[in-house]
C-alpha cells in the first residue's frame, strides 16, 4: 500500500503542484488510513492490497475519525484525501471499484482554482519565443496546445502524432476512464504545433521515439514531470507570481471561455468532465470577475 501512496504523492506534487504543507497533510492522512486498514486485517507488514478495501472499511474509518474527536474540518480533509487516493488508483488501473464513491463528508466550502488573466496567458505562451531552439518550439507548442484545448497535462504528453489533425484543426484526446473526445484547436495553435512538428521534433527524433508527439532531448516521450519543470522555468522567466501548476492553463481555458459566453455544457465536453457539477466551479470564477467589473463601473458601487 505504501508504494501506491508514494506514487500518489509524486503525482500530486508534479501534476497538481500542491504545496509542501498540503503534501504533508496528504501523507499523514493516508498513513493514518493505511494503518487503520492494516490493523483491521491483522496484517501490519504491508500485505494488504488497496483492492481489498471495502465500503464497510471506509465507513468504519470515518466513524473511527469521529471517535477520535476530530473536527468536521479535519474529518472532511481526511475523507477528501482518501477519495483523492482512490480516485488516483482508479485512474492508474490499480483497482476496479472505488469504495469511497458514495462517501459523504461535511461541507466546509470549496477553494477555487487559480486562473491567469488573458495578458498573463499571453506572456507565458510567448516566453519560449526568445530562444529559437528545437526545445523552445516544442515548449511553445505544448503551452499553446494546453490553452487552446484545456486538456490535462497527462493527456497532452500522451498524444501521438496521429492524434493531432492539423488539417481539420482537432486533437483526439484519451481522457480519464479511457474516454475519447475530439477537441477543436484554433488556427494560431495549429500553426504553432505544425512548426514544431516540422522543424523542432525531427531534431529530437530517435529510434525509440515511436509516434509520441512531444519528445525530450533523449528522443523519448516527454513525461508530465518533465513538463512541470519546463513550465516552472517559463513562469520564473516572465515573472508570474501566482501559484501556477500544470493545471493552471486548463483552469484559465475554462474560465476565459465562460467569460466569453460559452455554454457550460460545451465547456464540460471540452474538459472531459463526467459531471457538469465539476465544471460549475468555474462559474464562481466568472461571477467573481463580473462582480469586480460591476464594482468598477457602477457609479454608486
Protein backbone atom coordinates (compact mmCIF):
# COMPACT_ATOMS: atom_id res chain seq x y z
CA UNK A 1 0.00 0.00 0.00
CA UNK A 2 2.88 2.34 0.79
CA UNK A 3 4.23 2.11 -2.76
CA UNK A 4 0.90 3.31 -4.15
CA UNK A 5 0.79 6.15 -1.62
CA UNK A 6 4.26 7.25 -2.72
CA UNK A 7 3.13 7.22 -6.36
CA UNK A 8 0.08 9.29 -5.45
CA UNK A 9 2.16 11.84 -3.55
CA UNK A 10 4.51 12.16 -6.52
CA UNK A 11 1.50 12.69 -8.80
CA UNK A 12 0.10 15.41 -6.55
CA UNK A 13 3.48 17.14 -6.47
CA UNK A 14 4.19 17.04 -10.20
CA UNK A 15 0.77 17.08 -11.82
CA UNK A 16 -1.16 19.21 -9.37
CA UNK A 17 1.67 21.27 -7.90
CA UNK A 18 0.43 21.02 -4.31
CA UNK A 19 2.29 22.95 -1.63
CA UNK A 20 4.65 21.20 0.83
CA UNK A 21 2.09 21.70 3.62
CA UNK A 22 -0.69 20.13 1.57
CA UNK A 23 1.58 17.25 0.60
CA UNK A 24 2.43 16.66 4.26
CA UNK A 25 -1.28 16.59 5.11
CA UNK A 26 -1.92 14.02 2.37
CA UNK A 27 0.97 11.90 3.64
CA UNK A 28 -0.26 11.96 7.24
CA UNK A 29 -3.88 11.33 6.29
CA UNK A 30 -3.04 8.37 4.06
CA UNK A 31 -0.65 6.91 6.62
CA UNK A 32 -3.50 7.00 9.14
CA UNK A 33 -5.83 5.35 6.63
CA UNK A 34 -3.40 2.56 5.73
CA UNK A 35 -2.62 1.87 9.40
CA UNK A 36 -6.34 1.60 10.11
CA UNK A 37 -6.93 -0.77 7.17
CA UNK A 38 -3.94 -2.92 8.06
CA UNK A 39 -4.96 -3.10 11.72
CA UNK A 40 -8.42 -4.33 10.71
CA UNK A 41 -6.89 -7.06 8.59
CA UNK A 42 -4.43 -8.04 11.30
CA UNK A 43 -1.57 -7.53 8.86
CA UNK A 44 0.75 -4.61 9.51
CA UNK A 45 3.53 -5.89 7.23
CA UNK A 46 2.20 -4.38 4.02
CA UNK A 47 0.34 -7.48 2.88
CA UNK A 48 -2.97 -5.69 2.30
CA UNK A 49 -3.93 -4.52 -1.19
CA UNK A 50 -5.99 -1.42 -1.97
CA UNK A 51 -8.34 -3.62 -3.98
CA UNK A 52 -9.23 -5.43 -0.74
CA UNK A 53 -10.64 -2.27 0.89
CA UNK A 54 -14.44 -2.38 1.15
CA UNK A 55 -17.17 0.22 1.61
CA UNK A 56 -17.56 -1.05 5.17
CA UNK A 57 -13.85 -0.48 5.85
CA UNK A 58 -14.18 3.13 4.75
CA UNK A 59 -17.38 3.72 6.73
CA UNK A 60 -15.74 2.33 9.84
CA UNK A 61 -12.70 4.52 9.22
CA UNK A 62 -14.90 7.63 9.18
CA UNK A 63 -16.55 6.52 12.44
CA UNK A 64 -13.07 5.94 13.84
CA UNK A 65 -12.10 9.53 12.99
CA UNK A 66 -15.25 10.79 14.69
CA UNK A 67 -14.49 8.73 17.79
CA UNK A 68 -11.03 10.28 17.96
CA UNK A 69 -12.67 13.68 18.30
CA UNK A 70 -11.54 15.31 15.06
CA UNK A 71 -13.39 18.44 13.98
CA UNK A 72 -15.65 18.47 10.92
CA UNK A 73 -12.97 20.38 9.01
CA UNK A 74 -10.26 17.84 9.80
CA UNK A 75 -12.51 14.86 9.09
CA UNK A 76 -13.59 16.43 5.80
CA UNK A 77 -9.94 16.85 4.82
CA UNK A 78 -9.10 13.27 5.72
CA UNK A 79 -12.10 11.98 3.77
CA UNK A 80 -11.06 14.14 0.81
CA UNK A 81 -7.54 12.69 1.00
CA UNK A 82 -8.97 9.18 0.94
CA UNK A 83 -11.24 9.95 -2.02
CA UNK A 84 -8.33 11.50 -3.91
CA UNK A 85 -6.20 8.44 -3.27
CA UNK A 86 -8.84 6.02 -4.51
CA UNK A 87 -9.57 8.23 -7.49
CA UNK A 88 -5.88 8.06 -8.37
CA UNK A 89 -5.89 4.25 -8.02
CA UNK A 90 -8.87 4.03 -10.39
CA UNK A 91 -7.13 6.33 -12.85
CA UNK A 92 -3.96 4.22 -12.75
CA UNK A 93 -5.90 0.95 -13.16
CA UNK A 94 -4.80 -0.37 -9.76
CA UNK A 95 -8.38 -1.00 -8.60
CA UNK A 96 -11.65 -1.57 -10.40
CA UNK A 97 -14.05 -0.06 -7.88
CA UNK A 98 -13.87 2.99 -5.62
CA UNK A 99 -15.09 2.21 -2.06
CA UNK A 100 -15.31 5.95 -1.31
CA UNK A 101 -17.62 6.64 -4.26
CA UNK A 102 -20.74 7.10 -2.12
CA UNK A 103 -18.95 8.58 0.87
CA UNK A 104 -20.26 11.90 2.13
CA UNK A 105 -18.31 14.37 4.25
CA UNK A 106 -19.10 17.68 5.99
CA UNK A 107 -19.34 20.58 3.54
CA UNK A 108 -16.65 23.04 4.53
CA UNK A 109 -16.50 25.09 1.36
CA UNK A 110 -14.69 24.71 -1.90
CA UNK A 111 -11.48 26.50 -2.89
CA UNK A 112 -11.43 27.90 -6.38
CA UNK A 113 -8.66 27.12 -8.84
CA UNK A 114 -6.32 29.91 -9.86
CA UNK A 115 -6.76 31.31 -13.36
CA UNK A 116 -4.47 33.63 -15.27
CA UNK A 117 -5.62 36.80 -16.96
CA UNK A 118 -5.56 36.89 -20.76
CA UNK A 119 -2.48 39.13 -20.59
CA UNK A 120 -0.70 36.71 -18.24
CA UNK A 121 -1.50 33.80 -20.53
CA UNK A 122 -0.04 35.72 -23.47
CA UNK A 123 3.18 36.38 -21.55
CA UNK A 124 3.52 32.73 -20.61
CA UNK A 125 2.70 31.34 -24.06
CA UNK A 126 5.18 33.58 -25.84
CA UNK A 127 8.00 33.08 -23.32
CA UNK A 128 9.77 30.35 -25.37
CA UNK A 129 9.96 32.55 -28.47
CA UNK A 130 13.16 34.27 -27.35
CA UNK A 131 15.25 31.08 -27.52
CA UNK A 132 14.87 29.82 -31.13
CA UNK A 133 15.77 26.19 -30.39
CA UNK A 134 14.03 22.83 -31.05
CA UNK A 135 13.16 22.77 -27.35
CA UNK A 136 11.60 26.23 -27.47
CA UNK A 137 9.50 25.22 -30.50
CA UNK A 138 8.28 22.19 -28.55
CA UNK A 139 7.59 24.20 -25.41
CA UNK A 140 5.70 26.87 -27.34
CA UNK A 141 3.58 24.19 -29.00
CA UNK A 142 2.79 22.47 -25.70
CA UNK A 143 1.81 25.66 -23.90
CA UNK A 144 -0.30 26.82 -26.83
CA UNK A 145 -2.00 23.43 -27.13
CA UNK A 146 -2.86 23.28 -23.43
CA UNK A 147 -4.51 26.70 -23.51
CA UNK A 148 -6.20 26.02 -26.87
CA UNK A 149 -7.76 22.74 -25.73
CA UNK A 150 -7.94 22.77 -21.93
CA UNK A 151 -6.66 19.21 -21.85
CA UNK A 152 -4.89 17.75 -18.84
CA UNK A 153 -1.09 17.61 -18.91
CA UNK A 154 -1.21 13.81 -18.72
CA UNK A 155 -3.46 13.80 -21.78
CA UNK A 156 -1.15 16.12 -23.68
CA UNK A 157 2.08 14.20 -23.08
CA UNK A 158 0.24 11.00 -24.06
CA UNK A 159 -0.57 12.38 -27.52
CA UNK A 160 0.82 10.65 -30.59
CA UNK A 161 1.39 12.47 -33.87
CA UNK A 162 -1.64 10.70 -35.33
CA UNK A 163 -3.86 12.19 -32.61
CA UNK A 164 -3.25 15.71 -33.95
CA UNK A 165 -5.23 16.51 -37.10
CA UNK A 166 -3.81 19.79 -38.34
CA UNK A 167 -5.92 19.80 -41.48
CA UNK A 168 -9.24 19.74 -39.64
CA UNK A 169 -7.90 21.59 -36.59
CA UNK A 170 -8.69 19.00 -33.93
CA UNK A 171 -6.98 16.78 -31.37
CA UNK A 172 -8.07 13.29 -30.39
CA UNK A 173 -7.68 13.04 -26.63
CA UNK A 174 -7.93 9.97 -24.40
CA UNK A 175 -9.19 11.15 -21.02
CA UNK A 176 -9.97 9.63 -17.66
CA UNK A 177 -11.60 6.23 -17.76
CA UNK A 178 -10.37 5.71 -21.30
CA UNK A 179 -12.99 8.10 -22.69
CA UNK A 180 -12.05 9.58 -26.04
CA UNK A 181 -13.02 13.08 -27.12
CA UNK A 182 -12.24 15.34 -30.06
CA UNK A 183 -11.20 18.89 -29.14
CA UNK A 184 -11.05 21.70 -31.72
CA UNK A 185 -7.93 23.86 -31.90
CA UNK A 186 -7.83 27.35 -33.35
CA UNK A 187 -5.76 28.30 -36.39
CA UNK A 188 -2.97 30.01 -34.42
CA UNK A 189 -2.42 26.87 -32.33
CA UNK A 190 -2.47 24.74 -35.48
CA UNK A 191 0.26 26.92 -36.98
CA UNK A 192 2.47 26.74 -33.88
CA UNK A 193 2.09 22.97 -33.49
CA UNK A 194 2.79 22.47 -37.19
CA UNK A 195 6.03 24.48 -36.94
CA UNK A 196 7.15 22.28 -34.04
CA UNK A 197 6.31 19.02 -35.81
CA UNK A 198 8.12 20.09 -38.97
CA UNK A 199 11.10 21.99 -37.54
CA UNK A 200 11.53 21.07 -33.86
CA UNK A 201 10.54 17.43 -33.39
CA UNK A 202 12.90 15.98 -36.07
CA UNK A 203 15.90 17.20 -34.03
CA UNK A 204 14.78 15.05 -31.08
CA UNK A 205 13.53 12.05 -33.00
CA UNK A 206 15.33 8.79 -32.28
CA UNK A 207 14.84 5.08 -32.78
CA UNK A 208 12.74 4.86 -29.60
CA UNK A 209 10.54 7.87 -30.37
CA UNK A 210 7.79 5.81 -31.98
CA UNK A 211 4.85 8.16 -32.63
CA UNK A 212 4.98 10.33 -29.49
CA UNK A 213 4.16 13.93 -30.36
CA UNK A 214 6.28 15.61 -27.70
CA UNK A 215 9.82 14.31 -27.17
CA UNK A 216 12.57 15.11 -24.70
CA UNK A 217 16.22 15.51 -25.65
CA UNK A 218 16.76 11.75 -25.46
CA UNK A 219 14.17 11.26 -28.16
CA UNK A 220 11.56 9.58 -25.96
CA UNK A 221 8.13 10.73 -24.87
CA UNK A 222 8.20 13.73 -22.54
CA UNK A 223 6.78 12.95 -19.09
CA UNK A 224 4.41 15.08 -17.04
CA UNK A 225 7.27 15.58 -14.58
CA UNK A 226 9.40 16.89 -17.44
CA UNK A 227 6.68 19.30 -18.49
CA UNK A 228 6.30 20.57 -14.92
CA UNK A 229 9.99 21.52 -14.86
CA UNK A 230 9.60 23.28 -18.21
CA UNK A 231 6.55 25.21 -17.02
CA UNK A 232 8.28 26.37 -13.84
CA UNK A 233 11.17 27.70 -15.92
CA UNK A 234 8.91 29.90 -18.04
CA UNK A 235 6.81 31.05 -15.08
CA UNK A 236 10.00 32.32 -13.46
CA UNK A 237 11.23 33.80 -16.74
CA UNK A 238 8.16 36.01 -17.24
CA UNK A 239 7.85 36.91 -13.55
CA UNK A 240 4.41 35.47 -12.80
CA UNK A 241 3.79 35.41 -9.05
CA UNK A 242 0.55 33.42 -8.86
CA UNK A 243 0.59 29.82 -7.65
CA UNK A 244 0.85 28.23 -11.09
CA UNK A 245 0.60 24.47 -11.62
CA UNK A 246 0.31 22.28 -14.73
CA UNK A 247 -3.47 22.64 -14.31
CA UNK A 248 -3.40 26.44 -14.46
CA UNK A 249 -3.76 26.72 -18.24
CA UNK A 250 -6.69 24.27 -18.07
CA UNK A 251 -8.36 26.45 -15.43
CA UNK A 252 -7.67 29.57 -17.48
CA UNK A 253 -9.07 27.94 -20.62
CA UNK A 254 -12.37 27.13 -18.91
CA UNK A 255 -12.66 30.49 -17.16
CA UNK A 256 -11.97 32.54 -20.28
CA UNK A 257 -14.43 30.51 -22.37
CA UNK A 258 -17.22 31.06 -19.86
CA UNK A 259 -16.43 34.77 -19.58
CA UNK A 260 -16.60 34.90 -23.36
CA UNK A 261 -20.12 33.48 -23.35
CA UNK A 262 -19.54 29.76 -23.92
CA UNK A 263 -22.25 27.44 -22.59
CA UNK A 264 -21.40 25.41 -19.50
CA UNK A 265 -22.34 22.13 -21.23
CA UNK A 266 -19.94 22.83 -24.08
CA UNK A 267 -17.11 23.62 -21.67
CA UNK A 268 -17.89 20.39 -19.80
CA UNK A 269 -17.49 18.40 -23.02
CA UNK A 270 -14.24 20.13 -23.92
CA UNK A 271 -12.76 19.49 -20.47
CA UNK A 272 -13.92 15.87 -20.46
CA UNK A 273 -15.77 16.19 -17.15
CA UNK A 274 -18.14 13.30 -16.47
CA UNK A 275 -20.36 15.55 -14.35
CA UNK A 276 -21.33 19.14 -15.00
CA UNK A 277 -21.02 19.74 -11.25
CA UNK A 278 -17.25 19.57 -11.66
CA UNK A 279 -17.36 22.23 -14.36
CA UNK A 280 -19.62 24.53 -12.34
CA UNK A 281 -16.71 25.59 -10.10
CA UNK A 282 -15.60 27.83 -12.96
CA UNK A 283 -18.89 29.74 -12.90
CA UNK A 284 -17.85 31.07 -9.48
CA UNK A 285 -14.67 32.45 -11.03
CA UNK A 286 -16.63 34.23 -13.75
CA UNK A 287 -19.16 35.54 -11.24
CA UNK A 288 -16.28 36.99 -9.23
CA UNK A 289 -14.98 38.67 -12.39
CA UNK A 290 -18.41 40.13 -13.15
CA UNK A 291 -18.61 41.47 -9.59
CA UNK A 292 -15.24 43.19 -9.95
CA UNK A 293 -16.31 44.80 -13.23
CA UNK A 294 -19.59 45.88 -11.63
CA UNK A 295 -17.80 47.49 -8.69
CA UNK A 296 -15.51 49.37 -11.06
CA UNK A 297 -18.24 50.54 -13.44
CA UNK A 298 -21.33 51.27 -11.34
CA UNK A 299 -21.43 54.92 -10.23
CA UNK A 300 -22.77 54.01 -6.78
CA UNK A 301 -20.73 50.87 -6.21
